[in-house]
């Protein structure tokens, strides 16, 4: 028996459909995985602030990446203060990107920094502190400072990342009590900078008005209307709660930044652009 093969003829219409479908898929993927930094603004109202209020920029989870436009974005926000919420340096990467970033922001506004887990994982925490201080920055290590912005007295506190004590053996309650115990009765506007958002409940008794965090990377993969708050976050697991956005905890406002890093070792950012946060505090 003789078997003959016939070739299917691809018509012009089918070829055009294939090209259109492929183009649409590429464009959809490019849109879903956008890597340009987004600025998200929040306005927080309080009776503890008068006059000109305060304008803060929060940056977290840079992970030493070089992002030449990031400094321009921050400068364009005209901040009174820049707050660095941990993982500015990365345990697996060279420090060049972080150094470039710190040098750039040092010319914009005063800046304060708290550690993240990666700064400890890399084993170079003292070098990192020197990098911050040598550029005029301030390190907050389970302590607080009193600052003034536009005539407003503000208390700015910073929580050390629990990786300092190996995490499991870190007595956060005791450390927090020692660091912030005398803030309970203070009437000034109080801000806490703490890398990990899932730990915010531990600070409730100290009556912070605003808690600023990062760490969760926006939940990494977000699908609008389906996985709105993200697929996974470190220390929160699958379908985490605190990944990016504003959360109200009684009289405390918590804002979580999705982080400025474009990449992740295992998962792309899907519908989850890198982010900086601008917080406008006003009466």
C-alpha atoms as a PDB file:
ATOM      1  CA  UNK A   1       0.000   0.000   0.000  1.00  0.00           C
ATOM      2  CA  UNK A   2       1.409   3.350  -0.933  1.00  0.00           C
ATOM      3  CA  UNK A   3       0.973   6.049   1.650  1.00  0.00           C
ATOM      4  CA  UNK A   4       1.242   9.634   0.509  1.00  0.00           C
ATOM      5  CA  UNK A   5       1.663  12.586   2.824  1.00  0.00           C
ATOM      6  CA  UNK A   6      -0.200  15.771   2.203  1.00  0.00           C
ATOM      7  CA  UNK A   7       0.942  19.110   3.524  1.00  0.00           C
ATOM      8  CA  UNK A   8      -1.629  21.340   5.097  1.00  0.00           C
ATOM      9  CA  UNK A   9      -1.701  24.644   3.403  1.00  0.00           C
ATOM     10  CA  UNK A  10      -1.589  27.595   5.745  1.00  0.00           C
ATOM     11  CA  UNK A  11      -3.856  30.225   4.372  1.00  0.00           C
ATOM     12  CA  UNK A  12      -3.122  33.922   4.535  1.00  0.00           C
ATOM     13  CA  UNK A  13      -5.995  34.403   6.979  1.00  0.00           C
ATOM     14  CA  UNK A  14      -4.677  31.716   9.320  1.00  0.00           C
ATOM     15  CA  UNK A  15      -1.147  33.095   9.149  1.00  0.00           C
ATOM     16  CA  UNK A  16      -2.452  36.560   9.961  1.00  0.00           C
ATOM     17  CA  UNK A  17      -4.392  35.130  12.931  1.00  0.00           C
ATOM     18  CA  UNK A  18      -1.294  33.361  14.263  1.00  0.00           C
ATOM     19  CA  UNK A  19       0.802  36.513  13.992  1.00  0.00           C
ATOM     20  CA  UNK A  20      -1.910  38.573  15.672  1.00  0.00           C
ATOM     21  CA  UNK A  21      -2.310  36.048  18.502  1.00  0.00           C
ATOM     22  CA  UNK A  22       1.441  35.873  19.069  1.00  0.00           C
ATOM     23  CA  UNK A  23       1.744  39.662  19.065  1.00  0.00           C
ATOM     24  CA  UNK A  24      -1.141  39.977  21.512  1.00  0.00           C
ATOM     25  CA  UNK A  25       0.448  37.387  23.826  1.00  0.00           C
ATOM     26  CA  UNK A  26       3.800  39.202  23.771  1.00  0.00           C
ATOM     27  CA  UNK A  27       2.168  42.572  24.449  1.00  0.00           C
ATOM     28  CA  UNK A  28       0.072  41.096  27.269  1.00  0.00           C
ATOM     29  CA  UNK A  29       3.158  39.530  28.881  1.00  0.00           C
ATOM     30  CA  UNK A  30       5.079  42.798  28.542  1.00  0.00           C
ATOM     31  CA  UNK A  31       2.236  44.710  30.188  1.00  0.00           C
ATOM     32  CA  UNK A  32       1.723  42.140  32.945  1.00  0.00           C
ATOM     33  CA  UNK A  33       5.440  42.083  33.803  1.00  0.00           C
ATOM     34  CA  UNK A  34       6.203  45.788  33.513  1.00  0.00           C
ATOM     35  CA  UNK A  35       9.453  46.719  35.253  1.00  0.00           C
ATOM     36  CA  UNK A  36       9.187  50.502  35.366  1.00  0.00           C
ATOM     37  CA  UNK A  37       8.837  51.934  38.849  1.00  0.00           C
ATOM     38  CA  UNK A  38       5.405  53.131  39.935  1.00  0.00           C
ATOM     39  CA  UNK A  39       4.859  55.885  42.501  1.00  0.00           C
ATOM     40  CA  UNK A  40       1.898  55.322  44.790  1.00  0.00           C
ATOM     41  CA  UNK A  41       0.677  58.251  46.886  1.00  0.00           C
ATOM     42  CA  UNK A  42      -1.271  58.119  50.115  1.00  0.00           C
ATOM     43  CA  UNK A  43      -2.721  61.042  52.058  1.00  0.00           C
ATOM     44  CA  UNK A  44      -2.951  60.457  55.810  1.00  0.00           C
ATOM     45  CA  UNK A  45      -5.035  62.872  57.901  1.00  0.00           C
ATOM     46  CA  UNK A  46      -4.293  63.625  61.541  1.00  0.00           C
ATOM     47  CA  UNK A  47      -4.993  66.317  64.132  1.00  0.00           C
ATOM     48  CA  UNK A  48      -1.417  65.959  65.388  1.00  0.00           C
ATOM     49  CA  UNK A  49       0.003  67.742  62.331  1.00  0.00           C
ATOM     50  CA  UNK A  50      -0.342  71.448  61.596  1.00  0.00           C
ATOM     51  CA  UNK A  51       0.978  73.886  59.055  1.00  0.00           C
ATOM     52  CA  UNK A  52       2.777  72.464  56.066  1.00  0.00           C
ATOM     53  CA  UNK A  53       2.390  68.821  57.074  1.00  0.00           C
ATOM     54  CA  UNK A  54       5.044  66.320  56.042  1.00  0.00           C
ATOM     55  CA  UNK A  55       5.900  64.592  52.773  1.00  0.00           C
ATOM     56  CA  UNK A  56       7.701  61.253  53.047  1.00  0.00           C
ATOM     57  CA  UNK A  57       9.065  58.867  50.430  1.00  0.00           C
ATOM     58  CA  UNK A  58       9.354  55.194  51.373  1.00  0.00           C
ATOM     59  CA  UNK A  59      11.698  52.857  49.480  1.00  0.00           C
ATOM     60  CA  UNK A  60      12.071  49.184  50.342  1.00  0.00           C
ATOM     61  CA  UNK A  61      13.532  46.033  48.795  1.00  0.00           C
ATOM     62  CA  UNK A  62      15.850  47.585  46.242  1.00  0.00           C
ATOM     63  CA  UNK A  63      18.108  44.508  46.558  1.00  0.00           C
ATOM     64  CA  UNK A  64      21.132  46.410  45.234  1.00  0.00           C
ATOM     65  CA  UNK A  65      19.624  46.793  41.760  1.00  0.00           C
ATOM     66  CA  UNK A  66      20.806  49.650  39.597  1.00  0.00           C
ATOM     67  CA  UNK A  67      17.821  51.769  38.587  1.00  0.00           C
ATOM     68  CA  UNK A  68      18.987  55.045  37.139  1.00  0.00           C
ATOM     69  CA  UNK A  69      15.487  56.541  36.995  1.00  0.00           C
ATOM     70  CA  UNK A  70      14.650  55.770  40.620  1.00  0.00           C
ATOM     71  CA  UNK A  71      16.602  58.721  42.010  1.00  0.00           C
ATOM     72  CA  UNK A  72      14.863  61.087  39.564  1.00  0.00           C
ATOM     73  CA  UNK A  73      11.480  59.715  40.587  1.00  0.00           C
ATOM     74  CA  UNK A  74      12.221  60.368  44.260  1.00  0.00           C
ATOM     75  CA  UNK A  75      13.558  63.846  43.526  1.00  0.00           C
ATOM     76  CA  UNK A  76      10.350  64.631  41.644  1.00  0.00           C
ATOM     77  CA  UNK A  77       8.296  63.861  44.745  1.00  0.00           C
ATOM     78  CA  UNK A  78      10.056  66.702  46.651  1.00  0.00           C
ATOM     79  CA  UNK A  79      10.171  64.789  49.945  1.00  0.00           C
ATOM     80  CA  UNK A  80      10.897  66.282  53.342  1.00  0.00           C
ATOM     81  CA  UNK A  81      12.270  62.909  54.397  1.00  0.00           C
ATOM     82  CA  UNK A  82      13.291  59.647  52.695  1.00  0.00           C
ATOM     83  CA  UNK A  83      12.738  56.409  54.600  1.00  0.00           C
ATOM     84  CA  UNK A  84      14.512  53.164  53.640  1.00  0.00           C
ATOM     85  CA  UNK A  85      12.604  50.150  54.922  1.00  0.00           C
ATOM     86  CA  UNK A  86      15.194  47.383  54.574  1.00  0.00           C
ATOM     87  CA  UNK A  87      16.698  45.100  51.917  1.00  0.00           C
ATOM     88  CA  UNK A  88      18.274  48.052  50.159  1.00  0.00           C
ATOM     89  CA  UNK A  89      21.338  45.811  49.969  1.00  0.00           C
ATOM     90  CA  UNK A  90      21.148  42.182  48.867  1.00  0.00           C
ATOM     91  CA  UNK A  91      22.939  39.149  50.292  1.00  0.00           C
ATOM     92  CA  UNK A  92      23.563  37.701  46.805  1.00  0.00           C
ATOM     93  CA  UNK A  93      24.545  40.791  44.833  1.00  0.00           C
ATOM     94  CA  UNK A  94      27.305  43.376  44.646  1.00  0.00           C
ATOM     95  CA  UNK A  95      26.656  46.646  46.450  1.00  0.00           C
ATOM     96  CA  UNK A  96      27.172  48.911  43.413  1.00  0.00           C
ATOM     97  CA  UNK A  97      23.478  49.608  42.809  1.00  0.00           C
ATOM     98  CA  UNK A  98      22.770  50.360  46.454  1.00  0.00           C
ATOM     99  CA  UNK A  99      25.783  52.665  46.706  1.00  0.00           C
ATOM    100  CA  UNK A 100      24.716  54.580  43.605  1.00  0.00           C
ATOM    101  CA  UNK A 101      21.214  54.918  45.027  1.00  0.00           C
ATOM    102  CA  UNK A 102      22.379  56.148  48.436  1.00  0.00           C
ATOM    103  CA  UNK A 103      24.702  58.721  46.886  1.00  0.00           C
ATOM    104  CA  UNK A 104      21.861  60.024  44.734  1.00  0.00           C
ATOM    105  CA  UNK A 105      19.255  60.384  47.455  1.00  0.00           C
ATOM    106  CA  UNK A 106      21.739  62.008  49.850  1.00  0.00           C
ATOM    107  CA  UNK A 107      21.451  65.147  47.736  1.00  0.00           C
ATOM    108  CA  UNK A 108      17.635  65.208  47.871  1.00  0.00           C
ATOM    109  CA  UNK A 109      16.570  65.024  51.534  1.00  0.00           C
ATOM    110  CA  UNK A 110      17.615  63.594  54.915  1.00  0.00           C
ATOM    111  CA  UNK A 111      17.214  59.824  54.986  1.00  0.00           C
ATOM    112  CA  UNK A 112      16.750  57.145  57.641  1.00  0.00           C
ATOM    113  CA  UNK A 113      17.290  53.415  57.289  1.00  0.00           C
ATOM    114  CA  UNK A 114      16.335  50.171  59.041  1.00  0.00           C
ATOM    115  CA  UNK A 115      17.693  46.729  58.283  1.00  0.00           C
ATOM    116  CA  UNK A 116      15.958  43.977  56.365  1.00  0.00           C
ATOM    117  CA  UNK A 117      16.652  40.267  56.400  1.00  0.00           C
ATOM    118  CA  UNK A 118      19.028  40.368  53.418  1.00  0.00           C
ATOM    119  CA  UNK A 119      21.357  42.825  55.082  1.00  0.00           C
ATOM    120  CA  UNK A 120      21.860  40.284  57.856  1.00  0.00           C
ATOM    121  CA  UNK A 121      21.944  37.237  55.596  1.00  0.00           C
ATOM    122  CA  UNK A 122      24.905  38.694  53.719  1.00  0.00           C
ATOM    123  CA  UNK A 123      27.009  38.887  56.883  1.00  0.00           C
ATOM    124  CA  UNK A 124      28.198  42.440  56.166  1.00  0.00           C
ATOM    125  CA  UNK A 125      25.932  44.452  58.422  1.00  0.00           C
ATOM    126  CA  UNK A 126      28.679  46.686  59.811  1.00  0.00           C
ATOM    127  CA  UNK A 127      29.876  47.554  56.316  1.00  0.00           C
ATOM    128  CA  UNK A 128      26.304  48.378  55.317  1.00  0.00           C
ATOM    129  CA  UNK A 129      25.869  50.693  58.286  1.00  0.00           C
ATOM    130  CA  UNK A 130      29.092  52.448  57.275  1.00  0.00           C
ATOM    131  CA  UNK A 131      27.778  52.837  53.724  1.00  0.00           C
ATOM    132  CA  UNK A 132      24.643  54.544  55.081  1.00  0.00           C
ATOM    133  CA  UNK A 133      26.406  56.818  57.586  1.00  0.00           C
ATOM    134  CA  UNK A 134      29.219  57.828  55.222  1.00  0.00           C
ATOM    135  CA  UNK A 135      26.594  59.296  52.873  1.00  0.00           C
ATOM    136  CA  UNK A 136      24.950  61.315  55.614  1.00  0.00           C
ATOM    137  CA  UNK A 137      22.202  58.811  56.352  1.00  0.00           C
ATOM    138  CA  UNK A 138      20.850  57.740  59.721  1.00  0.00           C
ATOM    139  CA  UNK A 139      20.504  54.171  60.974  1.00  0.00           C
ATOM    140  CA  UNK A 140      17.643  53.372  63.353  1.00  0.00           C
ATOM    141  CA  UNK A 141      18.318  50.212  65.366  1.00  0.00           C
ATOM    142  CA  UNK A 142      15.480  49.557  67.833  1.00  0.00           C
ATOM    143  CA  UNK A 143      15.450  53.221  68.777  1.00  0.00           C
ATOM    144  CA  UNK A 144      13.677  56.458  68.001  1.00  0.00           C
ATOM    145  CA  UNK A 145      14.549  60.065  67.279  1.00  0.00           C
ATOM    146  CA  UNK A 146      12.635  63.298  67.600  1.00  0.00           C
ATOM    147  CA  UNK A 147      12.612  65.340  64.400  1.00  0.00           C
ATOM    148  CA  UNK A 148      10.889  68.463  63.144  1.00  0.00           C
ATOM    149  CA  UNK A 149       9.314  68.853  59.707  1.00  0.00           C
ATOM    150  CA  UNK A 150       7.713  72.136  58.674  1.00  0.00           C
ATOM    151  CA  UNK A 151       7.192  73.110  62.297  1.00  0.00           C
ATOM    152  CA  UNK A 152       5.741  69.737  63.283  1.00  0.00           C
ATOM    153  CA  UNK A 153       7.368  67.604  65.973  1.00  0.00           C
ATOM    154  CA  UNK A 154       7.464  63.974  64.906  1.00  0.00           C
ATOM    155  CA  UNK A 155       8.804  60.842  66.560  1.00  0.00           C
ATOM    156  CA  UNK A 156      10.479  58.500  64.083  1.00  0.00           C
ATOM    157  CA  UNK A 157      11.226  54.973  65.324  1.00  0.00           C
ATOM    158  CA  UNK A 158      13.028  52.129  63.615  1.00  0.00           C
ATOM    159  CA  UNK A 159      12.768  48.396  64.357  1.00  0.00           C
ATOM    160  CA  UNK A 160      15.774  46.179  63.718  1.00  0.00           C
ATOM    161  CA  UNK A 161      15.016  43.148  61.554  1.00  0.00           C
ATOM    162  CA  UNK A 162      14.645  40.015  63.714  1.00  0.00           C
ATOM    163  CA  UNK A 163      17.239  38.228  61.555  1.00  0.00           C
ATOM    164  CA  UNK A 164      19.717  39.913  63.884  1.00  0.00           C
ATOM    165  CA  UNK A 165      18.945  37.269  66.492  1.00  0.00           C
ATOM    166  CA  UNK A 166      18.456  34.336  64.169  1.00  0.00           C
ATOM    167  CA  UNK A 167      14.730  35.154  63.963  1.00  0.00           C
ATOM    168  CA  UNK A 168      13.447  32.117  65.902  1.00  0.00           C
ATOM    169  CA  UNK A 169      15.499  33.043  68.979  1.00  0.00           C
ATOM    170  CA  UNK A 170      14.802  36.764  68.728  1.00  0.00           C
ATOM    171  CA  UNK A 171      12.703  37.984  71.650  1.00  0.00           C
ATOM    172  CA  UNK A 172      10.943  40.741  69.730  1.00  0.00           C
ATOM    173  CA  UNK A 173       8.501  41.539  72.543  1.00  0.00           C
ATOM    174  CA  UNK A 174      11.279  42.210  75.027  1.00  0.00           C
ATOM    175  CA  UNK A 175      13.407  44.181  72.559  1.00  0.00           C
ATOM    176  CA  UNK A 176      10.407  46.252  71.481  1.00  0.00           C
ATOM    177  CA  UNK A 177       9.398  47.020  75.057  1.00  0.00           C
ATOM    178  CA  UNK A 178      12.903  48.192  75.898  1.00  0.00           C
ATOM    179  CA  UNK A 179      13.163  50.304  72.734  1.00  0.00           C
ATOM    180  CA  UNK A 180       9.712  51.900  72.571  1.00  0.00           C
ATOM    181  CA  UNK A 181       8.113  51.367  75.993  1.00  0.00           C
ATOM    182  CA  UNK A 182       8.270  55.019  76.974  1.00  0.00           C
ATOM    183  CA  UNK A 183       6.405  56.102  73.813  1.00  0.00           C
ATOM    184  CA  UNK A 184       2.984  54.948  75.044  1.00  0.00           C
ATOM    185  CA  UNK A 185       2.118  58.262  76.649  1.00  0.00           C
ATOM    186  CA  UNK A 186       3.698  60.556  74.063  1.00  0.00           C
ATOM    187  CA  UNK A 187       1.323  62.831  72.160  1.00  0.00           C
ATOM    188  CA  UNK A 188       3.470  63.642  69.128  1.00  0.00           C
ATOM    189  CA  UNK A 189       2.812  62.059  65.745  1.00  0.00           C
ATOM    190  CA  UNK A 190       4.658  58.715  65.832  1.00  0.00           C
ATOM    191  CA  UNK A 191       6.024  56.830  62.835  1.00  0.00           C
ATOM    192  CA  UNK A 192       7.535  53.334  62.932  1.00  0.00           C
ATOM    193  CA  UNK A 193       9.765  52.039  60.151  1.00  0.00           C
ATOM    194  CA  UNK A 194       9.811  48.221  60.245  1.00  0.00           C
ATOM    195  CA  UNK A 195      10.807  45.903  57.397  1.00  0.00           C
ATOM    196  CA  UNK A 196       8.313  43.096  58.028  1.00  0.00           C
ATOM    197  CA  UNK A 197       4.592  43.964  57.745  1.00  0.00           C
ATOM    198  CA  UNK A 198       3.377  40.773  59.407  1.00  0.00           C
ATOM    199  CA  UNK A 199       4.903  41.927  62.712  1.00  0.00           C
ATOM    200  CA  UNK A 200       2.841  45.121  62.968  1.00  0.00           C
ATOM    201  CA  UNK A 201       0.495  43.708  65.620  1.00  0.00           C
ATOM    202  CA  UNK A 202       3.474  43.457  67.971  1.00  0.00           C
ATOM    203  CA  UNK A 203       3.706  47.254  68.042  1.00  0.00           C
ATOM    204  CA  UNK A 204       0.035  48.046  68.677  1.00  0.00           C
ATOM    205  CA  UNK A 205       0.441  48.857  72.375  1.00  0.00           C
ATOM    206  CA  UNK A 206       2.947  51.611  71.580  1.00  0.00           C
ATOM    207  CA  UNK A 207       0.267  53.540  69.686  1.00  0.00           C
ATOM    208  CA  UNK A 208       2.152  54.429  66.539  1.00  0.00           C
ATOM    209  CA  UNK A 209       0.139  56.595  64.186  1.00  0.00           C
ATOM    210  CA  UNK A 210       1.854  55.275  61.058  1.00  0.00           C
ATOM    211  CA  UNK A 211       3.775  52.045  60.392  1.00  0.00           C
ATOM    212  CA  UNK A 212       5.779  51.725  57.161  1.00  0.00           C
ATOM    213  CA  UNK A 213       6.964  48.338  55.883  1.00  0.00           C
ATOM    214  CA  UNK A 214       8.115  46.331  52.861  1.00  0.00           C
ATOM    215  CA  UNK A 215       9.468  42.755  52.575  1.00  0.00           C
ATOM    216  CA  UNK A 216       6.427  41.152  50.893  1.00  0.00           C
ATOM    217  CA  UNK A 217       7.293  42.224  47.311  1.00  0.00           C
ATOM    218  CA  UNK A 218       3.624  42.791  46.605  1.00  0.00           C
ATOM    219  CA  UNK A 219       2.911  39.088  46.834  1.00  0.00           C
ATOM    220  CA  UNK A 220       4.996  38.699  43.643  1.00  0.00           C
ATOM    221  CA  UNK A 221       2.170  37.475  41.362  1.00  0.00           C
ATOM    222  CA  UNK A 222      -1.070  39.416  41.264  1.00  0.00           C
ATOM    223  CA  UNK A 223      -4.012  38.632  39.006  1.00  0.00           C
ATOM    224  CA  UNK A 224      -6.630  41.411  39.002  1.00  0.00           C
ATOM    225  CA  UNK A 225      -9.941  40.297  40.573  1.00  0.00           C
ATOM    226  CA  UNK A 226      -8.503  36.819  41.274  1.00  0.00           C
ATOM    227  CA  UNK A 227      -5.221  37.139  43.209  1.00  0.00           C
ATOM    228  CA  UNK A 228      -5.427  40.810  44.057  1.00  0.00           C
ATOM    229  CA  UNK A 229      -3.199  40.725  47.147  1.00  0.00           C
ATOM    230  CA  UNK A 230      -0.543  38.414  45.738  1.00  0.00           C
ATOM    231  CA  UNK A 231       0.292  34.749  45.504  1.00  0.00           C
ATOM    232  CA  UNK A 232       3.099  34.427  48.050  1.00  0.00           C
ATOM    233  CA  UNK A 233       5.068  36.539  50.527  1.00  0.00           C
ATOM    234  CA  UNK A 234       8.019  35.662  52.767  1.00  0.00           C
ATOM    235  CA  UNK A 235       6.950  34.712  56.311  1.00  0.00           C
ATOM    236  CA  UNK A 236       3.280  34.954  55.325  1.00  0.00           C
ATOM    237  CA  UNK A 237       3.097  32.068  52.891  1.00  0.00           C
ATOM    238  CA  UNK A 238       0.508  31.519  50.163  1.00  0.00           C
ATOM    239  CA  UNK A 239      -2.226  34.139  49.661  1.00  0.00           C
ATOM    240  CA  UNK A 240      -0.723  36.604  52.147  1.00  0.00           C
ATOM    241  CA  UNK A 241      -2.595  39.498  53.723  1.00  0.00           C
ATOM    242  CA  UNK A 242      -0.074  42.336  54.006  1.00  0.00           C
ATOM    243  CA  UNK A 243       1.688  42.728  50.666  1.00  0.00           C
ATOM    244  CA  UNK A 244       1.151  46.252  49.393  1.00  0.00           C
ATOM    245  CA  UNK A 245      -1.262  49.046  50.155  1.00  0.00           C
ATOM    246  CA  UNK A 246      -2.863  50.771  53.116  1.00  0.00           C
ATOM    247  CA  UNK A 247      -4.207  48.817  56.092  1.00  0.00           C
ATOM    248  CA  UNK A 248      -6.046  50.302  59.062  1.00  0.00           C
ATOM    249  CA  UNK A 249      -5.349  48.848  62.508  1.00  0.00           C
ATOM    250  CA  UNK A 250      -7.617  50.757  64.871  1.00  0.00           C
ATOM    251  CA  UNK A 251      -6.131  54.248  65.043  1.00  0.00           C
ATOM    252  CA  UNK A 252      -2.908  53.112  63.349  1.00  0.00           C
ATOM    253  CA  UNK A 253      -2.369  53.298  59.607  1.00  0.00           C
ATOM    254  CA  UNK A 254       0.008  50.742  58.106  1.00  0.00           C
ATOM    255  CA  UNK A 255       1.383  51.236  54.610  1.00  0.00           C
ATOM    256  CA  UNK A 256       3.265  48.426  52.879  1.00  0.00           C
ATOM    257  CA  UNK A 257       5.497  49.197  49.887  1.00  0.00           C
ATOM    258  CA  UNK A 258       5.670  46.524  47.168  1.00  0.00           C
ATOM    259  CA  UNK A 259       9.401  47.130  46.771  1.00  0.00           C
ATOM    260  CA  UNK A 260      11.625  48.636  44.087  1.00  0.00           C
ATOM    261  CA  UNK A 261      13.394  45.502  42.804  1.00  0.00           C
ATOM    262  CA  UNK A 262      12.446  44.475  39.276  1.00  0.00           C
ATOM    263  CA  UNK A 263      13.454  40.847  39.538  1.00  0.00           C
ATOM    264  CA  UNK A 264      13.132  37.811  41.772  1.00  0.00           C
ATOM    265  CA  UNK A 265      15.324  34.679  41.672  1.00  0.00           C
ATOM    266  CA  UNK A 266      12.374  32.357  40.984  1.00  0.00           C
ATOM    267  CA  UNK A 267       9.216  34.247  40.005  1.00  0.00           C
ATOM    268  CA  UNK A 268       8.577  37.256  37.750  1.00  0.00           C
ATOM    269  CA  UNK A 269       6.536  40.184  39.021  1.00  0.00           C
ATOM    270  CA  UNK A 270       3.120  39.785  37.425  1.00  0.00           C
ATOM    271  CA  UNK A 271       0.689  42.729  37.497  1.00  0.00           C
ATOM    272  CA  UNK A 272       2.939  43.970  40.273  1.00  0.00           C
ATOM    273  CA  UNK A 273       5.162  46.823  39.159  1.00  0.00           C
ATOM    274  CA  UNK A 274       8.142  47.890  41.287  1.00  0.00           C
ATOM    275  CA  UNK A 275       7.040  50.682  43.576  1.00  0.00           C
ATOM    276  CA  UNK A 276       8.029  53.620  45.710  1.00  0.00           C
ATOM    277  CA  UNK A 277       5.526  55.146  48.096  1.00  0.00           C
ATOM    278  CA  UNK A 278       4.888  58.806  48.855  1.00  0.00           C
ATOM    279  CA  UNK A 279       3.014  59.524  52.084  1.00  0.00           C
ATOM    280  CA  UNK A 280       1.547  62.990  52.577  1.00  0.00           C
ATOM    281  CA  UNK A 281       0.674  63.623  56.218  1.00  0.00           C
ATOM    282  CA  UNK A 282      -1.638  66.575  56.740  1.00  0.00           C
ATOM    283  CA  UNK A 283      -4.310  67.982  59.013  1.00  0.00           C
END
